[in-house]
Amino acid sequence: MSNRNCLQLALAALTLAWSLPSAHSAETGIIRGSVDKARDVTAVTAINRTNDKKYSGTIDAKTGAFIIKNLPLGMTYDCILDAGPVRLEGVNLKVPRSDYEEEQPLTKEDIETITKTARSLNKFENEIEVLTVSGNIQHAAVVLNKKRTTPFYESKPGEMIWRLELWHFEKPDETWIKVQEEFAIVFYRQRLPKSDFAKKALTLDPALGGIKLDAKQKNAELGAITLPSREPGIRLRAAKNKDK
């Protein structure tokens, strides 16, 4: 084969390679949505809780439309919207289905038992707020807002420790137990002045959490999102776009 023919074949191969979608683009997904008060939004982010890796998005300040690109497939994400000191953050409350053919919800007694057990397993914090217990008759997700406001080792005057965590429980037989393979999914673990904590305005929203992207579902549309109030506090939205 002549040098000219070899050169033509090489150029053809390069042209074909450039025309095909890259492996990176084929293996990534997108999260879209829109938010009110778009000019107040300072950051849009997706986070993979398994490795805490964050992916920044962009937002149109006029329309409120936002997009987060280049998200690796086969992963689950929570979406975070920041508006200055106000944060709206996704939380994944999805749990495995139960073994029953027809799904059965948690009973009042189940919730009371899980709440009591979760509180008993926390020995360091002196204030433990269970923001929610969600799931079915065999699996539950629990969000714990925990604070150590009393003096601790090498603590400074007016200092505290704050932890916000997601725990999972299961009921393999007659007793609810914490899932042993997982210690906790940690959202925040901070040591800070009590005065700084009092200014935090954080709202958790299940509608923005547990966004799984895969080969069948590469793009996720979150729809219209309403920013929470600027009132300080750690809270959970009971339903999409509604504060608890």
C-alpha atoms as a PDB file:
ATOM      1  CA  MET A   1       0.000   0.000   0.000  1.00  0.00           C
ATOM      2  CA  SER A   2       1.337   3.417  -0.975  1.00  0.00           C
ATOM      3  CA  ASN A   3       2.078   6.174   1.505  1.00  0.00           C
ATOM      4  CA  ARG A   4      -0.719   8.212  -0.050  1.00  0.00           C
ATOM      5  CA  ASN A   5      -3.278   5.450   0.549  1.00  0.00           C
ATOM      6  CA  CYS A   6      -2.083   5.043   4.133  1.00  0.00           C
ATOM      7  CA  LEU A   7      -2.503   8.774   4.699  1.00  0.00           C
ATOM      8  CA  GLN A   8      -6.029   8.708   3.250  1.00  0.00           C
ATOM      9  CA  LEU A   9      -7.016   5.805   5.492  1.00  0.00           C
ATOM     10  CA  ALA A  10      -5.619   7.595   8.561  1.00  0.00           C
ATOM     11  CA  LEU A  11      -7.533  10.786   7.733  1.00  0.00           C
ATOM     12  CA  ALA A  12     -10.744   8.784   7.216  1.00  0.00           C
ATOM     13  CA  ALA A  13     -10.295   7.085  10.584  1.00  0.00           C
ATOM     14  CA  LEU A  14      -9.757  10.451  12.310  1.00  0.00           C
ATOM     15  CA  THR A  15     -12.838  11.928  10.628  1.00  0.00           C
ATOM     16  CA  LEU A  16     -14.944   8.975  11.791  1.00  0.00           C
ATOM     17  CA  ALA A  17     -13.615   9.260  15.340  1.00  0.00           C
ATOM     18  CA  TRP A  18     -14.430  12.969  15.487  1.00  0.00           C
ATOM     19  CA  SER A  19     -17.967  12.354  14.185  1.00  0.00           C
ATOM     20  CA  LEU A  20     -18.810   9.752  16.825  1.00  0.00           C
ATOM     21  CA  PRO A  21     -19.939  10.810  20.304  1.00  0.00           C
ATOM     22  CA  SER A  22     -17.158  10.561  22.853  1.00  0.00           C
ATOM     23  CA  ALA A  23     -17.200   7.861  25.516  1.00  0.00           C
ATOM     24  CA  HIS A  24     -17.397  10.584  28.149  1.00  0.00           C
ATOM     25  CA  SER A  25     -20.561  12.114  26.705  1.00  0.00           C
ATOM     26  CA  ALA A  26     -22.135   8.668  26.286  1.00  0.00           C
ATOM     27  CA  GLU A  27     -21.516   7.841  29.930  1.00  0.00           C
ATOM     28  CA  THR A  28     -22.843  11.007  31.530  1.00  0.00           C
ATOM     29  CA  GLY A  29     -26.261  12.409  32.314  1.00  0.00           C
ATOM     30  CA  ILE A  30     -28.026  15.673  33.036  1.00  0.00           C
ATOM     31  CA  ILE A  31     -30.241  17.097  35.773  1.00  0.00           C
ATOM     32  CA  ARG A  32     -32.536  19.975  34.797  1.00  0.00           C
ATOM     33  CA  GLY A  33     -35.053  22.126  36.609  1.00  0.00           C
ATOM     34  CA  SER A  34     -36.247  25.645  37.198  1.00  0.00           C
ATOM     35  CA  VAL A  35     -36.404  27.749  40.326  1.00  0.00           C
ATOM     36  CA  ASP A  36     -38.199  30.907  41.372  1.00  0.00           C
ATOM     37  CA  LYS A  37     -36.271  33.975  42.574  1.00  0.00           C
ATOM     38  CA  ALA A  38     -33.472  32.939  40.237  1.00  0.00           C
ATOM     39  CA  ARG A  39     -31.480  36.109  40.843  1.00  0.00           C
ATOM     40  CA  ASP A  40     -31.097  35.072  44.479  1.00  0.00           C
ATOM     41  CA  VAL A  41     -29.529  31.718  43.554  1.00  0.00           C
ATOM     42  CA  THR A  42     -25.772  31.728  44.021  1.00  0.00           C
ATOM     43  CA  ALA A  43     -25.005  28.067  43.239  1.00  0.00           C
ATOM     44  CA  VAL A  44     -26.584  24.918  41.806  1.00  0.00           C
ATOM     45  CA  THR A  45     -24.902  21.627  42.657  1.00  0.00           C
ATOM     46  CA  ALA A  46     -25.391  17.879  42.431  1.00  0.00           C
ATOM     47  CA  ILE A  47     -23.688  15.666  45.004  1.00  0.00           C
ATOM     48  CA  ASN A  48     -22.954  11.951  45.007  1.00  0.00           C
ATOM     49  CA  ARG A  49     -23.253  10.955  48.678  1.00  0.00           C
ATOM     50  CA  THR A  50     -21.213   7.775  48.250  1.00  0.00           C
ATOM     51  CA  ASN A  51     -18.018   9.755  47.646  1.00  0.00           C
ATOM     52  CA  ASP A  52     -19.174  13.339  48.411  1.00  0.00           C
ATOM     53  CA  LYS A  53     -18.152  14.416  44.918  1.00  0.00           C
ATOM     54  CA  LYS A  54     -19.912  17.589  43.774  1.00  0.00           C
ATOM     55  CA  TYR A  55     -20.810  18.762  40.280  1.00  0.00           C
ATOM     56  CA  SER A  56     -21.541  22.436  39.630  1.00  0.00           C
ATOM     57  CA  GLY A  57     -24.362  23.522  37.358  1.00  0.00           C
ATOM     58  CA  THR A  58     -25.407  26.724  35.619  1.00  0.00           C
ATOM     59  CA  ILE A  59     -28.565  28.809  35.935  1.00  0.00           C
ATOM     60  CA  ASP A  60     -30.253  31.410  33.767  1.00  0.00           C
ATOM     61  CA  ALA A  61     -30.834  34.387  36.058  1.00  0.00           C
ATOM     62  CA  LYS A  62     -33.782  35.555  33.934  1.00  0.00           C
ATOM     63  CA  THR A  63     -35.772  32.352  33.446  1.00  0.00           C
ATOM     64  CA  GLY A  64     -34.594  30.377  36.476  1.00  0.00           C
ATOM     65  CA  ALA A  65     -33.814  27.347  34.302  1.00  0.00           C
ATOM     66  CA  PHE A  66     -30.781  25.415  35.532  1.00  0.00           C
ATOM     67  CA  ILE A  67     -28.789  22.456  34.291  1.00  0.00           C
ATOM     68  CA  ILE A  68     -26.092  20.211  35.767  1.00  0.00           C
ATOM     69  CA  LYS A  69     -24.116  18.313  33.130  1.00  0.00           C
ATOM     70  CA  ASN A  70     -21.461  15.590  32.928  1.00  0.00           C
ATOM     71  CA  LEU A  71     -22.896  13.444  35.714  1.00  0.00           C
ATOM     72  CA  PRO A  72     -21.499   9.881  35.597  1.00  0.00           C
ATOM     73  CA  LEU A  73     -24.203   7.275  35.020  1.00  0.00           C
ATOM     74  CA  GLY A  74     -24.919   4.464  37.434  1.00  0.00           C
ATOM     75  CA  MET A  75     -24.882   6.912  40.344  1.00  0.00           C
ATOM     76  CA  THR A  76     -27.489   8.563  42.554  1.00  0.00           C
ATOM     77  CA  TYR A  77     -27.466  12.304  43.197  1.00  0.00           C
ATOM     78  CA  ASP A  78     -28.983  14.908  45.484  1.00  0.00           C
ATOM     79  CA  CYS A  79     -29.482  18.420  44.132  1.00  0.00           C
ATOM     80  CA  ILE A  80     -28.518  21.505  46.185  1.00  0.00           C
ATOM     81  CA  LEU A  81     -29.645  25.079  45.569  1.00  0.00           C
ATOM     82  CA  ASP A  82     -27.941  27.932  47.411  1.00  0.00           C
ATOM     83  CA  ALA A  83     -29.426  31.405  47.681  1.00  0.00           C
ATOM     84  CA  GLY A  84     -26.913  33.284  49.776  1.00  0.00           C
ATOM     85  CA  PRO A  85     -27.293  32.020  53.364  1.00  0.00           C
ATOM     86  CA  VAL A  86     -30.337  29.899  52.419  1.00  0.00           C
ATOM     87  CA  ARG A  87     -29.844  26.308  51.277  1.00  0.00           C
ATOM     88  CA  LEU A  88     -32.366  23.887  49.762  1.00  0.00           C
ATOM     89  CA  GLU A  89     -30.848  20.397  49.767  1.00  0.00           C
ATOM     90  CA  GLY A  90     -32.038  17.065  48.432  1.00  0.00           C
ATOM     91  CA  VAL A  91     -32.269  14.047  50.716  1.00  0.00           C
ATOM     92  CA  ASN A  92     -32.807  10.485  49.519  1.00  0.00           C
ATOM     93  CA  LEU A  93     -35.542   8.846  51.601  1.00  0.00           C
ATOM     94  CA  LYS A  94     -36.071   5.950  49.185  1.00  0.00           C
ATOM     95  CA  VAL A  95     -35.780   2.457  50.670  1.00  0.00           C
ATOM     96  CA  PRO A  96     -35.947  -1.081  49.221  1.00  0.00           C
ATOM     97  CA  ARG A  97     -39.357  -2.645  48.722  1.00  0.00           C
ATOM     98  CA  SER A  98     -40.586  -4.979  51.411  1.00  0.00           C
ATOM     99  CA  ASP A  99     -41.062  -8.703  50.842  1.00  0.00           C
ATOM    100  CA  TYR A 100     -44.821  -8.303  50.810  1.00  0.00           C
ATOM    101  CA  GLU A 101     -46.645  -8.501  47.488  1.00  0.00           C
ATOM    102  CA  GLU A 102     -48.627  -5.395  48.396  1.00  0.00           C
ATOM    103  CA  GLU A 103     -46.497  -2.647  49.937  1.00  0.00           C
ATOM    104  CA  GLN A 104     -47.372  -1.796  53.531  1.00  0.00           C
ATOM    105  CA  PRO A 105     -46.494   1.522  55.176  1.00  0.00           C
ATOM    106  CA  LEU A 106     -44.810   2.080  58.514  1.00  0.00           C
ATOM    107  CA  THR A 107     -47.201   1.934  61.430  1.00  0.00           C
ATOM    108  CA  LYS A 108     -47.331   4.473  64.234  1.00  0.00           C
ATOM    109  CA  GLU A 109     -45.749   1.864  66.497  1.00  0.00           C
ATOM    110  CA  ASP A 110     -42.943   1.276  63.975  1.00  0.00           C
ATOM    111  CA  ILE A 111     -42.137   4.997  63.881  1.00  0.00           C
ATOM    112  CA  GLU A 112     -42.146   5.248  67.664  1.00  0.00           C
ATOM    113  CA  THR A 113     -39.849   2.209  67.996  1.00  0.00           C
ATOM    114  CA  ILE A 114     -37.386   3.428  65.355  1.00  0.00           C
ATOM    115  CA  THR A 115     -37.322   6.921  66.867  1.00  0.00           C
ATOM    116  CA  LYS A 116     -36.642   5.549  70.339  1.00  0.00           C
ATOM    117  CA  THR A 117     -33.927   3.207  69.054  1.00  0.00           C
ATOM    118  CA  ALA A 118     -32.224   5.949  67.033  1.00  0.00           C
ATOM    119  CA  ARG A 119     -32.131   8.264  70.029  1.00  0.00           C
ATOM    120  CA  SER A 120     -30.692   5.529  72.242  1.00  0.00           C
ATOM    121  CA  LEU A 121     -27.816   4.896  69.829  1.00  0.00           C
ATOM    122  CA  ASN A 122     -26.597   8.491  70.084  1.00  0.00           C
ATOM    123  CA  LYS A 123     -24.517   8.944  73.241  1.00  0.00           C
ATOM    124  CA  PHE A 124     -22.431  12.017  72.456  1.00  0.00           C
ATOM    125  CA  GLU A 125     -25.075  14.581  71.481  1.00  0.00           C
ATOM    126  CA  ASN A 126     -27.400  15.986  74.132  1.00  0.00           C
ATOM    127  CA  GLU A 127     -30.050  17.267  71.685  1.00  0.00           C
ATOM    128  CA  ILE A 128     -31.359  14.798  69.089  1.00  0.00           C
ATOM    129  CA  GLU A 129     -34.175  15.750  66.736  1.00  0.00           C
ATOM    130  CA  VAL A 130     -35.641  13.086  64.465  1.00  0.00           C
ATOM    131  CA  LEU A 131     -36.739  15.088  61.418  1.00  0.00           C
ATOM    132  CA  THR A 132     -38.470  12.157  59.748  1.00  0.00           C
ATOM    133  CA  VAL A 133     -38.911   8.388  59.710  1.00  0.00           C
ATOM    134  CA  SER A 134     -39.913   7.235  56.224  1.00  0.00           C
ATOM    135  CA  GLY A 135     -40.232   3.857  54.551  1.00  0.00           C
ATOM    136  CA  ASN A 136     -42.247   0.659  54.636  1.00  0.00           C
ATOM    137  CA  ILE A 137     -42.966  -2.187  57.025  1.00  0.00           C
ATOM    138  CA  GLN A 138     -39.431  -3.638  56.624  1.00  0.00           C
ATOM    139  CA  HIS A 139     -37.169  -0.713  55.681  1.00  0.00           C
ATOM    140  CA  ALA A 140     -36.875   2.834  56.981  1.00  0.00           C
ATOM    141  CA  ALA A 141     -34.834   5.998  56.388  1.00  0.00           C
ATOM    142  CA  VAL A 142     -34.264   8.297  59.362  1.00  0.00           C
ATOM    143  CA  VAL A 143     -32.944  11.868  59.300  1.00  0.00           C
ATOM    144  CA  LEU A 144     -31.260  12.956  62.533  1.00  0.00           C
ATOM    145  CA  ASN A 145     -30.446  16.534  63.469  1.00  0.00           C
ATOM    146  CA  LYS A 146     -27.985  16.182  66.367  1.00  0.00           C
ATOM    147  CA  LYS A 147     -26.349  18.781  68.577  1.00  0.00           C
ATOM    148  CA  ARG A 148     -23.823  18.758  71.405  1.00  0.00           C
ATOM    149  CA  THR A 149     -24.419  22.080  73.151  1.00  0.00           C
ATOM    150  CA  THR A 150     -22.910  21.158  76.525  1.00  0.00           C
ATOM    151  CA  PRO A 151     -19.120  21.394  77.148  1.00  0.00           C
ATOM    152  CA  PHE A 152     -16.972  18.710  75.511  1.00  0.00           C
ATOM    153  CA  TYR A 153     -13.259  17.939  75.306  1.00  0.00           C
ATOM    154  CA  GLU A 154     -11.301  21.117  74.493  1.00  0.00           C
ATOM    155  CA  SER A 155     -14.501  23.001  73.721  1.00  0.00           C
ATOM    156  CA  LYS A 156     -14.458  26.774  73.807  1.00  0.00           C
ATOM    157  CA  PRO A 157     -17.087  28.967  75.448  1.00  0.00           C
ATOM    158  CA  GLY A 158     -20.156  29.228  73.206  1.00  0.00           C
ATOM    159  CA  GLU A 159     -19.000  26.377  70.964  1.00  0.00           C
ATOM    160  CA  MET A 160     -21.056  23.370  69.842  1.00  0.00           C
ATOM    161  CA  ILE A 161     -20.973  20.353  67.525  1.00  0.00           C
ATOM    162  CA  TRP A 162     -23.658  19.821  64.888  1.00  0.00           C
ATOM    163  CA  ARG A 163     -24.285  16.644  62.951  1.00  0.00           C
ATOM    164  CA  LEU A 164     -26.934  16.022  60.317  1.00  0.00           C
ATOM    165  CA  GLU A 165     -27.112  12.381  59.266  1.00  0.00           C
ATOM    166  CA  LEU A 166     -29.241   9.902  57.347  1.00  0.00           C
ATOM    167  CA  TRP A 167     -29.606   6.453  58.916  1.00  0.00           C
ATOM    168  CA  HIS A 168     -31.235   3.295  57.611  1.00  0.00           C
ATOM    169  CA  PHE A 169     -33.113   0.697  59.618  1.00  0.00           C
ATOM    170  CA  GLU A 170     -34.434  -2.743  58.719  1.00  0.00           C
ATOM    171  CA  LYS A 171     -36.748  -5.300  60.281  1.00  0.00           C
ATOM    172  CA  PRO A 172     -35.526  -8.768  59.245  1.00  0.00           C
ATOM    173  CA  ASP A 173     -37.805 -10.475  61.794  1.00  0.00           C
ATOM    174  CA  GLU A 174     -39.702  -8.925  64.698  1.00  0.00           C
ATOM    175  CA  THR A 175     -37.216  -6.243  65.719  1.00  0.00           C
ATOM    176  CA  TRP A 176     -36.126  -2.993  64.096  1.00  0.00           C
ATOM    177  CA  ILE A 177     -32.323  -2.703  63.909  1.00  0.00           C
ATOM    178  CA  LYS A 178     -29.946  -0.190  62.366  1.00  0.00           C
ATOM    179  CA  VAL A 179     -28.424  -1.414  59.095  1.00  0.00           C
ATOM    180  CA  GLN A 180     -25.045  -2.801  60.102  1.00  0.00           C
ATOM    181  CA  GLU A 181     -23.279  -2.347  56.747  1.00  0.00           C
ATOM    182  CA  GLU A 182     -23.685   1.425  56.953  1.00  0.00           C
ATOM    183  CA  PHE A 183     -22.699   3.681  59.836  1.00  0.00           C
ATOM    184  CA  ALA A 184     -24.376   6.852  58.578  1.00  0.00           C
ATOM    185  CA  ILE A 185     -24.666   9.053  55.514  1.00  0.00           C
ATOM    186  CA  VAL A 186     -23.209  12.280  56.845  1.00  0.00           C
ATOM    187  CA  PHE A 187     -24.584  15.530  55.466  1.00  0.00           C
ATOM    188  CA  TYR A 188     -22.848  17.823  57.960  1.00  0.00           C
ATOM    189  CA  ARG A 189     -20.447  17.337  60.851  1.00  0.00           C
ATOM    190  CA  GLN A 190     -19.313  20.712  62.107  1.00  0.00           C
ATOM    191  CA  ARG A 191     -17.754  22.264  65.179  1.00  0.00           C
ATOM    192  CA  LEU A 192     -18.819  25.897  65.326  1.00  0.00           C
ATOM    193  CA  PRO A 193     -19.984  28.770  67.556  1.00  0.00           C
ATOM    194  CA  LYS A 194     -23.597  28.509  68.658  1.00  0.00           C
ATOM    195  CA  SER A 195     -24.199  31.981  67.254  1.00  0.00           C
ATOM    196  CA  ASP A 196     -23.198  30.776  63.774  1.00  0.00           C
ATOM    197  CA  PHE A 197     -25.432  27.728  63.977  1.00  0.00           C
ATOM    198  CA  ALA A 198     -28.383  29.909  64.973  1.00  0.00           C
ATOM    199  CA  LYS A 199     -28.111  31.671  61.590  1.00  0.00           C
ATOM    200  CA  LYS A 200     -28.293  28.524  59.463  1.00  0.00           C
ATOM    201  CA  ALA A 201     -31.295  28.265  57.143  1.00  0.00           C
ATOM    202  CA  LEU A 202     -31.340  24.734  55.730  1.00  0.00           C
ATOM    203  CA  THR A 203     -34.335  22.962  54.219  1.00  0.00           C
ATOM    204  CA  LEU A 204     -34.108  19.306  53.183  1.00  0.00           C
ATOM    205  CA  ASP A 205     -36.336  18.255  50.290  1.00  0.00           C
ATOM    206  CA  PRO A 206     -36.957  14.588  49.306  1.00  0.00           C
ATOM    207  CA  ALA A 207     -38.118  15.775  45.862  1.00  0.00           C
ATOM    208  CA  LEU A 208     -34.531  16.845  45.120  1.00  0.00           C
ATOM    209  CA  GLY A 209     -32.916  13.650  46.437  1.00  0.00           C
ATOM    210  CA  GLY A 210     -32.296  10.121  45.207  1.00  0.00           C
ATOM    211  CA  ILE A 211     -31.941  11.122  41.540  1.00  0.00           C
ATOM    212  CA  LYS A 212     -30.601   8.001  39.833  1.00  0.00           C
ATOM    213  CA  LEU A 213     -29.090   8.325  36.375  1.00  0.00           C
ATOM    214  CA  ASP A 214     -28.369   5.269  34.243  1.00  0.00           C
ATOM    215  CA  ALA A 215     -28.311   4.095  30.647  1.00  0.00           C
ATOM    216  CA  LYS A 216     -32.120   4.031  30.501  1.00  0.00           C
ATOM    217  CA  GLN A 217     -32.629   7.339  32.302  1.00  0.00           C
ATOM    218  CA  LYS A 218     -29.785   9.694  31.428  1.00  0.00           C
ATOM    219  CA  ASN A 219     -31.701  12.910  31.993  1.00  0.00           C
ATOM    220  CA  ALA A 220     -33.730  13.905  35.051  1.00  0.00           C
ATOM    221  CA  GLU A 221     -36.260  16.738  35.055  1.00  0.00           C
ATOM    222  CA  LEU A 222     -36.992  18.161  38.504  1.00  0.00           C
ATOM    223  CA  GLY A 223     -39.654  20.586  37.335  1.00  0.00           C
ATOM    224  CA  ALA A 224     -40.449  23.882  39.053  1.00  0.00           C
ATOM    225  CA  ILE A 225     -38.831  24.414  42.447  1.00  0.00           C
ATOM    226  CA  THR A 226     -39.715  27.008  45.052  1.00  0.00           C
ATOM    227  CA  LEU A 227     -36.979  28.353  47.298  1.00  0.00           C
ATOM    228  CA  PRO A 228     -37.648  28.023  51.052  1.00  0.00           C
ATOM    229  CA  SER A 229     -38.024  30.911  53.456  1.00  0.00           C
ATOM    230  CA  ARG A 230     -34.988  32.710  54.812  1.00  0.00           C
ATOM    231  CA  GLU A 231     -36.014  31.908  58.376  1.00  0.00           C
ATOM    232  CA  PRO A 232     -33.157  30.237  60.301  1.00  0.00           C
ATOM    233  CA  GLY A 233     -33.586  26.600  61.220  1.00  0.00           C
ATOM    234  CA  ILE A 234     -33.001  23.014  60.089  1.00  0.00           C
ATOM    235  CA  ARG A 235     -36.188  21.603  58.576  1.00  0.00           C
ATOM    236  CA  LEU A 236     -37.636  19.051  56.177  1.00  0.00           C
ATOM    237  CA  ARG A 237     -40.178  19.644  53.440  1.00  0.00           C
ATOM    238  CA  ALA A 238     -43.083  17.282  53.876  1.00  0.00           C
ATOM    239  CA  ALA A 239     -43.935  17.443  50.179  1.00  0.00           C
ATOM    240  CA  LYS A 240     -42.553  19.005  47.023  1.00  0.00           C
ATOM    241  CA  ASN A 241     -42.466  22.791  47.238  1.00  0.00           C
ATOM    242  CA  LYS A 242     -44.140  22.804  50.634  1.00  0.00           C
ATOM    243  CA  ASP A 243     -42.312  23.458  53.846  1.00  0.00           C
ATOM    244  CA  LYS A 244     -43.112  21.314  56.817  1.00  0.00           C
END
